[in-house]
């Protein structure tokens, strides 16, 4: 089980076509802040029907798209 699985499940349950989540929102979903391991784990989102789009470290936002 991935430490990011609760984020992927959140995306799948809510079934939006696109999400724009702040790092703080993701921290609230996960219970911990994202770190560099997210870059390796982002490919896991596809199993739950989403892909990770733009990651803005300046704005501290991540875009997710339904596939």
C-alpha atoms as a PDB file:
ATOM      1  CA  UNK A   1       0.000   0.000   0.000  1.00  0.00           C
ATOM      2  CA  UNK A   2       1.281   3.415  -0.966  1.00  0.00           C
ATOM      3  CA  UNK A   3       1.453   6.208   1.574  1.00  0.00           C
ATOM      4  CA  UNK A   4      -0.480   8.305  -0.993  1.00  0.00           C
ATOM      5  CA  UNK A   5      -3.342   5.839  -1.409  1.00  0.00           C
ATOM      6  CA  UNK A   6      -5.776   7.966   0.619  1.00  0.00           C
ATOM      7  CA  UNK A   7      -5.210  10.832  -1.853  1.00  0.00           C
ATOM      8  CA  UNK A   8      -5.866   8.587  -4.834  1.00  0.00           C
ATOM      9  CA  UNK A   9      -9.027   7.246  -3.191  1.00  0.00           C
ATOM     10  CA  UNK A  10     -10.170  10.808  -2.453  1.00  0.00           C
ATOM     11  CA  UNK A  11      -9.863  11.675  -6.136  1.00  0.00           C
ATOM     12  CA  UNK A  12     -11.694   8.534  -7.218  1.00  0.00           C
ATOM     13  CA  UNK A  13     -14.559   8.906  -4.729  1.00  0.00           C
ATOM     14  CA  UNK A  14     -15.291  12.521  -5.672  1.00  0.00           C
ATOM     15  CA  UNK A  15     -15.153  11.778  -9.434  1.00  0.00           C
ATOM     16  CA  UNK A  16     -14.374  15.278 -10.694  1.00  0.00           C
ATOM     17  CA  UNK A  17     -12.877  15.647 -14.153  1.00  0.00           C
ATOM     18  CA  UNK A  18     -10.185  17.954 -12.826  1.00  0.00           C
ATOM     19  CA  UNK A  19      -8.845  18.882  -9.411  1.00  0.00           C
ATOM     20  CA  UNK A  20      -6.622  21.775  -8.429  1.00  0.00           C
ATOM     21  CA  UNK A  21      -5.445  21.033  -4.908  1.00  0.00           C
ATOM     22  CA  UNK A  22      -3.088  23.047  -2.757  1.00  0.00           C
ATOM     23  CA  UNK A  23      -0.300  21.373  -0.834  1.00  0.00           C
ATOM     24  CA  UNK A  24      -2.273  22.223   2.347  1.00  0.00           C
ATOM     25  CA  UNK A  25      -5.434  20.539   1.029  1.00  0.00           C
ATOM     26  CA  UNK A  26      -3.400  17.463   0.159  1.00  0.00           C
ATOM     27  CA  UNK A  27      -1.864  17.528   3.643  1.00  0.00           C
ATOM     28  CA  UNK A  28      -5.394  17.535   5.126  1.00  0.00           C
ATOM     29  CA  UNK A  29      -6.387  14.541   2.981  1.00  0.00           C
ATOM     30  CA  UNK A  30      -3.232  12.552   3.722  1.00  0.00           C
ATOM     31  CA  UNK A  31      -2.562  13.614   7.287  1.00  0.00           C
ATOM     32  CA  UNK A  32       1.011  14.577   6.374  1.00  0.00           C
ATOM     33  CA  UNK A  33       2.688  16.954   3.907  1.00  0.00           C
ATOM     34  CA  UNK A  34       3.792  15.700   0.516  1.00  0.00           C
ATOM     35  CA  UNK A  35       7.513  15.365  -0.050  1.00  0.00           C
ATOM     36  CA  UNK A  36       9.913  14.426  -2.839  1.00  0.00           C
ATOM     37  CA  UNK A  37       8.626  10.822  -2.847  1.00  0.00           C
ATOM     38  CA  UNK A  38       5.419  12.130  -4.422  1.00  0.00           C
ATOM     39  CA  UNK A  39       7.263  12.507  -7.728  1.00  0.00           C
ATOM     40  CA  UNK A  40       7.863   8.746  -7.832  1.00  0.00           C
ATOM     41  CA  UNK A  41       4.404   7.875  -6.506  1.00  0.00           C
ATOM     42  CA  UNK A  42       2.417  10.089  -8.878  1.00  0.00           C
ATOM     43  CA  UNK A  43       2.218   7.299 -11.469  1.00  0.00           C
ATOM     44  CA  UNK A  44       0.072   5.341  -8.975  1.00  0.00           C
ATOM     45  CA  UNK A  45      -2.834   7.742  -9.586  1.00  0.00           C
ATOM     46  CA  UNK A  46      -3.575   6.087 -12.934  1.00  0.00           C
ATOM     47  CA  UNK A  47      -4.801   2.946 -11.141  1.00  0.00           C
ATOM     48  CA  UNK A  48      -7.495   5.115  -9.540  1.00  0.00           C
ATOM     49  CA  UNK A  49      -8.444   6.806 -12.819  1.00  0.00           C
ATOM     50  CA  UNK A  50      -6.383   9.987 -12.565  1.00  0.00           C
ATOM     51  CA  UNK A  51      -3.126  11.415 -13.785  1.00  0.00           C
ATOM     52  CA  UNK A  52      -1.037  14.072 -12.138  1.00  0.00           C
ATOM     53  CA  UNK A  53      -0.802  17.193 -14.255  1.00  0.00           C
ATOM     54  CA  UNK A  54       1.061  20.359 -13.398  1.00  0.00           C
ATOM     55  CA  UNK A  55       2.932  20.534 -10.111  1.00  0.00           C
ATOM     56  CA  UNK A  56       3.625  24.143  -9.140  1.00  0.00           C
ATOM     57  CA  UNK A  57       6.079  24.421  -6.267  1.00  0.00           C
ATOM     58  CA  UNK A  58       5.872  28.205  -6.488  1.00  0.00           C
ATOM     59  CA  UNK A  59       2.080  28.299  -6.054  1.00  0.00           C
ATOM     60  CA  UNK A  60       2.087  25.074  -3.996  1.00  0.00           C
ATOM     61  CA  UNK A  61      -0.641  23.540  -6.143  1.00  0.00           C
ATOM     62  CA  UNK A  62      -1.099  20.282  -8.044  1.00  0.00           C
ATOM     63  CA  UNK A  63      -3.526  19.615 -10.881  1.00  0.00           C
ATOM     64  CA  UNK A  64      -5.060  16.158 -11.311  1.00  0.00           C
ATOM     65  CA  UNK A  65      -7.002  15.011 -14.393  1.00  0.00           C
ATOM     66  CA  UNK A  66      -9.461  12.165 -14.801  1.00  0.00           C
ATOM     67  CA  UNK A  67      -8.402   9.723 -17.509  1.00  0.00           C
END
